[in-house]
Amino acid sequence: IIESFPTDPAIAREIPHKITPFIQAIFSAPSPTPIKAALASDGFDCESVRLPLVTLTSEEKSRVLNALQSVRA
């Protein structure tokens, strides 16, 4: 956002709107569980969490991964 603002303020204004669904998805469950799910989708072996946290349900994980894909598109 900071780098694009001087040359193209319109792009800088679009970036927060584009990443908002992902930000909402990663804060939809206790941290760091959604972040670990997103990293695991990239091949990192880090999806397990310690109690009292539990892994995401398939629906929660799907929401996070879909939001991640929309940011990458």
PDB file of N, CA and C in Angstrom:
ATOM      1  N   ILE A   1       0.837  -1.177   0.000  1.00  0.00           N
ATOM      2  CA  ILE A   1       0.000   0.000   0.000  1.00  0.00           C
ATOM      3  C   ILE A   1       0.886   1.245   0.000  1.00  0.00           C
ATOM      4  N   ILE A   2       1.863   1.253   0.874  1.00  0.00           N
ATOM      5  CA  ILE A   2       2.746   2.415   0.997  1.00  0.00           C
ATOM      6  C   ILE A   2       3.546   2.626  -0.275  1.00  0.00           C
ATOM      7  N   GLU A   3       4.059   1.556  -0.863  1.00  0.00           N
ATOM      8  CA  GLU A   3       4.868   1.676  -2.069  1.00  0.00           C
ATOM      9  C   GLU A   3       4.048   2.091  -3.278  1.00  0.00           C
ATOM     10  N   SER A   4       2.815   1.653  -3.379  1.00  0.00           N
ATOM     11  CA  SER A   4       2.006   1.969  -4.550  1.00  0.00           C
ATOM     12  C   SER A   4       1.324   3.334  -4.457  1.00  0.00           C
ATOM     13  N   PHE A   5       1.148   3.860  -3.254  1.00  0.00           N
ATOM     14  CA  PHE A   5       0.402   5.108  -3.104  1.00  0.00           C
ATOM     15  C   PHE A   5       0.996   6.285  -3.881  1.00  0.00           C
ATOM     16  N   PRO A   6       2.311   6.537  -3.827  1.00  0.00           N
ATOM     17  CA  PRO A   6       2.840   7.707  -4.535  1.00  0.00           C
ATOM     18  C   PRO A   6       2.615   7.655  -6.052  1.00  0.00           C
ATOM     19  N   THR A   7       2.677   6.475  -6.632  1.00  0.00           N
ATOM     20  CA  THR A   7       2.540   6.373  -8.079  1.00  0.00           C
ATOM     21  C   THR A   7       1.125   6.036  -8.536  1.00  0.00           C
ATOM     22  N   ASP A   8       0.378   5.301  -7.713  1.00  0.00           N
ATOM     23  CA  ASP A   8      -0.975   4.906  -8.103  1.00  0.00           C
ATOM     24  C   ASP A   8      -1.879   4.787  -6.882  1.00  0.00           C
ATOM     25  N   PRO A   9      -2.422   5.901  -6.415  1.00  0.00           N
ATOM     26  CA  PRO A   9      -3.264   5.873  -5.214  1.00  0.00           C
ATOM     27  C   PRO A   9      -4.501   4.986  -5.359  1.00  0.00           C
ATOM     28  N   ALA A  10      -4.995   4.822  -6.559  1.00  0.00           N
ATOM     29  CA  ALA A  10      -6.177   3.975  -6.757  1.00  0.00           C
ATOM     30  C   ALA A  10      -5.864   2.526  -6.388  1.00  0.00           C
ATOM     31  N   ILE A  11      -4.710   2.042  -6.782  1.00  0.00           N
ATOM     32  CA  ILE A  11      -4.292   0.683  -6.424  1.00  0.00           C
ATOM     33  C   ILE A  11      -4.131   0.577  -4.913  1.00  0.00           C
ATOM     34  N   ALA A  12      -3.534   1.587  -4.301  1.00  0.00           N
ATOM     35  CA  ALA A  12      -3.338   1.577  -2.847  1.00  0.00           C
ATOM     36  C   ALA A  12      -4.674   1.506  -2.115  1.00  0.00           C
ATOM     37  N   ARG A  13      -5.706   2.116  -2.667  1.00  0.00           N
ATOM     38  CA  ARG A  13      -7.033   2.061  -2.038  1.00  0.00           C
ATOM     39  C   ARG A  13      -7.691   0.699  -2.234  1.00  0.00           C
ATOM     40  N   GLU A  14      -7.368  -0.003  -3.304  1.00  0.00           N
ATOM     41  CA  GLU A  14      -7.980  -1.303  -3.582  1.00  0.00           C
ATOM     42  C   GLU A  14      -7.402  -2.426  -2.725  1.00  0.00           C
ATOM     43  N   ILE A  15      -6.151  -2.327  -2.358  1.00  0.00           N
ATOM     44  CA  ILE A  15      -5.472  -3.414  -1.636  1.00  0.00           C
ATOM     45  C   ILE A  15      -6.189  -3.788  -0.333  1.00  0.00           C
ATOM     46  N   PRO A  16      -6.540  -2.843   0.534  1.00  0.00           N
ATOM     47  CA  PRO A  16      -7.236  -3.243   1.773  1.00  0.00           C
ATOM     48  C   PRO A  16      -8.563  -3.950   1.511  1.00  0.00           C
ATOM     49  N   HIS A  17      -9.274  -3.519   0.468  1.00  0.00           N
ATOM     50  CA  HIS A  17     -10.545  -4.168   0.146  1.00  0.00           C
ATOM     51  C   HIS A  17     -10.331  -5.599  -0.343  1.00  0.00           C
ATOM     52  N   LYS A  18      -9.223  -5.803  -1.033  1.00  0.00           N
ATOM     53  CA  LYS A  18      -8.930  -7.139  -1.546  1.00  0.00           C
ATOM     54  C   LYS A  18      -8.554  -8.112  -0.426  1.00  0.00           C
ATOM     55  N   ILE A  19      -7.830  -7.639   0.580  1.00  0.00           N
ATOM     56  CA  ILE A  19      -7.350  -8.542   1.628  1.00  0.00           C
ATOM     57  C   ILE A  19      -8.298  -8.659   2.819  1.00  0.00           C
ATOM     58  N   THR A  20      -9.332  -7.833   2.880  1.00  0.00           N
ATOM     59  CA  THR A  20     -10.271  -7.867   4.006  1.00  0.00           C
ATOM     60  C   THR A  20     -10.894  -9.243   4.235  1.00  0.00           C
ATOM     61  N   PRO A  21     -11.363  -9.969   3.203  1.00  0.00           N
ATOM     62  CA  PRO A  21     -11.920 -11.304   3.471  1.00  0.00           C
ATOM     63  C   PRO A  21     -10.916 -12.254   4.129  1.00  0.00           C
ATOM     64  N   PHE A  22      -9.651 -12.166   3.733  1.00  0.00           N
ATOM     65  CA  PHE A  22      -8.642 -13.031   4.341  1.00  0.00           C
ATOM     66  C   PHE A  22      -8.401 -12.630   5.792  1.00  0.00           C
ATOM     67  N   ILE A  23      -8.333 -11.340   6.067  1.00  0.00           N
ATOM     68  CA  ILE A  23      -8.134 -10.873   7.440  1.00  0.00           C
ATOM     69  C   ILE A  23      -9.285 -11.347   8.322  1.00  0.00           C
ATOM     70  N   GLN A  24     -10.509 -11.241   7.821  1.00  0.00           N
ATOM     71  CA  GLN A  24     -11.665 -11.711   8.592  1.00  0.00           C
ATOM     72  C   GLN A  24     -11.597 -13.219   8.822  1.00  0.00           C
ATOM     73  N   ALA A  25     -11.138 -13.965   7.817  1.00  0.00           N
ATOM     74  CA  ALA A  25     -11.055 -15.419   7.944  1.00  0.00           C
ATOM     75  C   ALA A  25      -9.996 -15.835   8.960  1.00  0.00           C
ATOM     76  N   ILE A  26      -8.852 -15.149   8.977  1.00  0.00           N
ATOM     77  CA  ILE A  26      -7.809 -15.567   9.917  1.00  0.00           C
ATOM     78  C   ILE A  26      -8.128 -15.167  11.350  1.00  0.00           C
ATOM     79  N   PHE A  27      -9.081 -14.254  11.523  1.00  0.00           N
ATOM     80  CA  PHE A  27      -9.505 -13.901  12.873  1.00  0.00           C
ATOM     81  C   PHE A  27     -10.842 -14.532  13.239  1.00  0.00           C
ATOM     82  N   SER A  28     -11.280 -15.503  12.460  1.00  0.00           N
ATOM     83  CA  SER A  28     -12.564 -16.161  12.719  1.00  0.00           C
ATOM     84  C   SER A  28     -12.455 -17.286  13.748  1.00  0.00           C
ATOM     85  N   ALA A  29     -11.253 -17.654  14.098  1.00  0.00           N
ATOM     86  CA  ALA A  29     -11.012 -18.703  15.097  1.00  0.00           C
ATOM     87  C   ALA A  29      -9.813 -18.265  15.933  1.00  0.00           C
ATOM     88  N   PRO A  30      -9.619 -18.886  17.090  1.00  0.00           N
ATOM     89  CA  PRO A  30      -8.491 -18.479  17.937  1.00  0.00           C
ATOM     90  C   PRO A  30      -7.147 -18.597  17.222  1.00  0.00           C
ATOM     91  N   SER A  31      -6.347 -17.561  17.388  1.00  0.00           N
ATOM     92  CA  SER A  31      -5.021 -17.535  16.792  1.00  0.00           C
ATOM     93  C   SER A  31      -4.138 -18.529  17.544  1.00  0.00           C
ATOM     94  N   PRO A  32      -3.257 -19.197  16.899  1.00  0.00           N
ATOM     95  CA  PRO A  32      -2.785 -19.124  15.527  1.00  0.00           C
ATOM     96  C   PRO A  32      -3.382 -20.195  14.614  1.00  0.00           C
ATOM     97  N   THR A  33      -4.482 -20.801  15.014  1.00  0.00           N
ATOM     98  CA  THR A  33      -5.037 -21.932  14.274  1.00  0.00           C
ATOM     99  C   THR A  33      -5.293 -21.626  12.796  1.00  0.00           C
ATOM    100  N   PRO A  34      -5.954 -20.516  12.431  1.00  0.00           N
ATOM    101  CA  PRO A  34      -6.178 -20.245  11.006  1.00  0.00           C
ATOM    102  C   PRO A  34      -4.879 -19.995  10.232  1.00  0.00           C
ATOM    103  N   ILE A  35      -3.926 -19.336  10.867  1.00  0.00           N
ATOM    104  CA  ILE A  35      -2.641 -19.096  10.199  1.00  0.00           C
ATOM    105  C   ILE A  35      -1.931 -20.415   9.944  1.00  0.00           C
ATOM    106  N   LYS A  36      -1.974 -21.315  10.915  1.00  0.00           N
ATOM    107  CA  LYS A  36      -1.348 -22.619  10.742  1.00  0.00           C
ATOM    108  C   LYS A  36      -2.019 -23.405   9.611  1.00  0.00           C
ATOM    109  N   ALA A  37      -3.329 -23.292   9.488  1.00  0.00           N
ATOM    110  CA  ALA A  37      -4.034 -23.970   8.394  1.00  0.00           C
ATOM    111  C   ALA A  37      -3.609 -23.396   7.051  1.00  0.00           C
ATOM    112  N   ALA A  38      -3.471 -22.082   6.975  1.00  0.00           N
ATOM    113  CA  ALA A  38      -3.037 -21.437   5.724  1.00  0.00           C
ATOM    114  C   ALA A  38      -1.612 -21.862   5.368  1.00  0.00           C
ATOM    115  N   LEU A  39      -0.727 -21.905   6.351  1.00  0.00           N
ATOM    116  CA  LEU A  39       0.647 -22.332   6.095  1.00  0.00           C
ATOM    117  C   LEU A  39       0.708 -23.806   5.700  1.00  0.00           C
ATOM    118  N   ALA A  40      -0.126 -24.627   6.323  1.00  0.00           N
ATOM    119  CA  ALA A  40      -0.158 -26.053   5.983  1.00  0.00           C
ATOM    120  C   ALA A  40      -0.591 -26.250   4.535  1.00  0.00           C
ATOM    121  N   SER A  41      -1.455 -25.372   4.028  1.00  0.00           N
ATOM    122  CA  SER A  41      -1.887 -25.490   2.630  1.00  0.00           C
ATOM    123  C   SER A  41      -0.742 -25.203   1.671  1.00  0.00           C
ATOM    124  N   ASP A  42       0.288 -24.518   2.150  1.00  0.00           N
ATOM    125  CA  ASP A  42       1.475 -24.246   1.340  1.00  0.00           C
ATOM    126  C   ASP A  42       2.570 -25.288   1.551  1.00  0.00           C
ATOM    127  N   GLY A  43       2.267 -26.350   2.297  1.00  0.00           N
ATOM    128  CA  GLY A  43       3.216 -27.440   2.460  1.00  0.00           C
ATOM    129  C   GLY A  43       4.005 -27.432   3.754  1.00  0.00           C
ATOM    130  N   PHE A  44       3.777 -26.470   4.618  1.00  0.00           N
ATOM    131  CA  PHE A  44       4.466 -26.441   5.902  1.00  0.00           C
ATOM    132  C   PHE A  44       3.795 -27.433   6.853  1.00  0.00           C
ATOM    133  N   ASP A  45       4.610 -28.168   7.591  1.00  0.00           N
ATOM    134  CA  ASP A  45       4.086 -29.156   8.530  1.00  0.00           C
ATOM    135  C   ASP A  45       3.866 -28.479   9.880  1.00  0.00           C
ATOM    136  N   CYS A  46       2.772 -27.719   9.982  1.00  0.00           N
ATOM    137  CA  CYS A  46       2.578 -26.923  11.199  1.00  0.00           C
ATOM    138  C   CYS A  46       1.111 -26.816  11.605  1.00  0.00           C
ATOM    139  N   GLU A  47       0.252 -27.661  11.087  1.00  0.00           N
ATOM    140  CA  GLU A  47      -1.173 -27.494  11.340  1.00  0.00           C
ATOM    141  C   GLU A  47      -1.606 -27.912  12.741  1.00  0.00           C
ATOM    142  N   SER A  48      -0.839 -28.738  13.411  1.00  0.00           N
ATOM    143  CA  SER A  48      -1.254 -29.180  14.743  1.00  0.00           C
ATOM    144  C   SER A  48      -1.117 -28.034  15.743  1.00  0.00           C
ATOM    145  N   VAL A  49      -1.981 -28.058  16.736  1.00  0.00           N
ATOM    146  CA  VAL A  49      -1.958 -27.048  17.792  1.00  0.00           C
ATOM    147  C   VAL A  49      -2.001 -27.748  19.147  1.00  0.00           C
ATOM    148  N   ARG A  50      -1.574 -27.042  20.166  1.00  0.00           N
ATOM    149  CA  ARG A  50      -1.601 -27.591  21.520  1.00  0.00           C
ATOM    150  C   ARG A  50      -2.910 -27.218  22.202  1.00  0.00           C
ATOM    151  N   LEU A  51      -3.322 -28.060  23.126  1.00  0.00           N
ATOM    152  CA  LEU A  51      -4.497 -27.750  23.925  1.00  0.00           C
ATOM    153  C   LEU A  51      -4.250 -26.475  24.703  1.00  0.00           C
ATOM    154  N   PRO A  52      -5.221 -25.676  24.899  1.00  0.00           N
ATOM    155  CA  PRO A  52      -6.647 -25.877  24.728  1.00  0.00           C
ATOM    156  C   PRO A  52      -7.145 -25.586  23.310  1.00  0.00           C
ATOM    157  N   LEU A  53      -6.262 -25.217  22.383  1.00  0.00           N
ATOM    158  CA  LEU A  53      -6.695 -24.973  21.010  1.00  0.00           C
ATOM    159  C   LEU A  53      -7.017 -26.287  20.327  1.00  0.00           C
ATOM    160  N   VAL A  54      -7.865 -26.229  19.339  1.00  0.00           N
ATOM    161  CA  VAL A  54      -8.180 -27.400  18.516  1.00  0.00           C
ATOM    162  C   VAL A  54      -8.049 -26.987  17.062  1.00  0.00           C
ATOM    163  N   THR A  55      -7.807 -27.970  16.202  1.00  0.00           N
ATOM    164  CA  THR A  55      -7.684 -27.664  14.780  1.00  0.00           C
ATOM    165  C   THR A  55      -9.027 -27.176  14.244  1.00  0.00           C
ATOM    166  N   LEU A  56      -8.966 -26.512  13.118  1.00  0.00           N
ATOM    167  CA  LEU A  56     -10.181 -25.982  12.505  1.00  0.00           C
ATOM    168  C   LEU A  56     -11.076 -27.107  12.004  1.00  0.00           C
ATOM    169  N   THR A  57     -12.367 -26.860  12.016  1.00  0.00           N
ATOM    170  CA  THR A  57     -13.288 -27.805  11.387  1.00  0.00           C
ATOM    171  C   THR A  57     -13.092 -27.697   9.885  1.00  0.00           C
ATOM    172  N   SER A  58     -13.633 -28.637   9.149  1.00  0.00           N
ATOM    173  CA  SER A  58     -13.476 -28.589   7.692  1.00  0.00           C
ATOM    174  C   SER A  58     -14.125 -27.331   7.115  1.00  0.00           C
ATOM    175  N   GLU A  59     -15.230 -26.889   7.700  1.00  0.00           N
ATOM    176  CA  GLU A  59     -15.894 -25.672   7.225  1.00  0.00           C
ATOM    177  C   GLU A  59     -15.033 -24.433   7.495  1.00  0.00           C
ATOM    178  N   GLU A  60     -14.459 -24.359   8.691  1.00  0.00           N
ATOM    179  CA  GLU A  60     -13.601 -23.222   9.036  1.00  0.00           C
ATOM    180  C   GLU A  60     -12.351 -23.196   8.158  1.00  0.00           C
ATOM    181  N   LYS A  61     -11.767 -24.365   7.970  1.00  0.00           N
ATOM    182  CA  LYS A  61     -10.567 -24.460   7.138  1.00  0.00           C
ATOM    183  C   LYS A  61     -10.875 -24.064   5.699  1.00  0.00           C
ATOM    184  N   SER A  62     -12.010 -24.489   5.201  1.00  0.00           N
ATOM    185  CA  SER A  62     -12.430 -24.140   3.854  1.00  0.00           C
ATOM    186  C   SER A  62     -12.572 -22.631   3.706  1.00  0.00           C
ATOM    187  N   ARG A  63     -13.153 -21.981   4.711  1.00  0.00           N
ATOM    188  CA  ARG A  63     -13.322 -20.525   4.686  1.00  0.00           C
ATOM    189  C   ARG A  63     -11.968 -19.819   4.613  1.00  0.00           C
ATOM    190  N   VAL A  64     -11.015 -20.288   5.402  1.00  0.00           N
ATOM    191  CA  VAL A  64      -9.678 -19.688   5.411  1.00  0.00           C
ATOM    192  C   VAL A  64      -8.990 -19.892   4.071  1.00  0.00           C
ATOM    193  N   LEU A  65      -9.043 -21.113   3.557  1.00  0.00           N
ATOM    194  CA  LEU A  65      -8.352 -21.403   2.301  1.00  0.00           C
ATOM    195  C   LEU A  65      -8.991 -20.697   1.109  1.00  0.00           C
ATOM    196  N   ASN A  66     -10.309 -20.570   1.103  1.00  0.00           N
ATOM    197  CA  ASN A  66     -10.977 -19.828   0.032  1.00  0.00           C
ATOM    198  C   ASN A  66     -10.605 -18.352   0.080  1.00  0.00           C
ATOM    199  N   ALA A  67     -10.527 -17.789   1.273  1.00  0.00           N
ATOM    200  CA  ALA A  67     -10.132 -16.387   1.413  1.00  0.00           C
ATOM    201  C   ALA A  67      -8.678 -16.197   0.981  1.00  0.00           C
ATOM    202  N   LEU A  68      -7.836 -17.163   1.297  1.00  0.00           N
ATOM    203  CA  LEU A  68      -6.439 -17.098   0.876  1.00  0.00           C
ATOM    204  C   LEU A  68      -6.333 -17.127  -0.638  1.00  0.00           C
ATOM    205  N   GLN A  69      -7.106 -17.988  -1.272  1.00  0.00           N
ATOM    206  CA  GLN A  69      -7.083 -18.068  -2.733  1.00  0.00           C
ATOM    207  C   GLN A  69      -7.557 -16.760  -3.364  1.00  0.00           C
ATOM    208  N   SER A  70      -8.549 -16.111  -2.765  1.00  0.00           N
ATOM    209  CA  SER A  70      -9.043 -14.850  -3.338  1.00  0.00           C
ATOM    210  C   SER A  70      -7.989 -13.753  -3.237  1.00  0.00           C
ATOM    211  N   VAL A  71      -7.159 -13.782  -2.201  1.00  0.00           N
ATOM    212  CA  VAL A  71      -6.087 -12.789  -2.072  1.00  0.00           C
ATOM    213  C   VAL A  71      -5.005 -13.044  -3.112  1.00  0.00           C
ATOM    214  N   ARG A  72      -4.733 -14.294  -3.383  1.00  0.00           N
ATOM    215  CA  ARG A  72      -3.687 -14.644  -4.343  1.00  0.00           C
ATOM    216  C   ARG A  72      -4.098 -14.410  -5.790  1.00  0.00           C
ATOM    217  N   ALA A  73      -5.390 -14.374  -6.055  1.00  0.00           N
ATOM    218  CA  ALA A  73      -5.872 -14.220  -7.437  1.00  0.00           C
ATOM    219  C   ALA A  73      -5.620 -12.829  -7.973  1.00  0.00           C
TER     220      ALA A  73
END
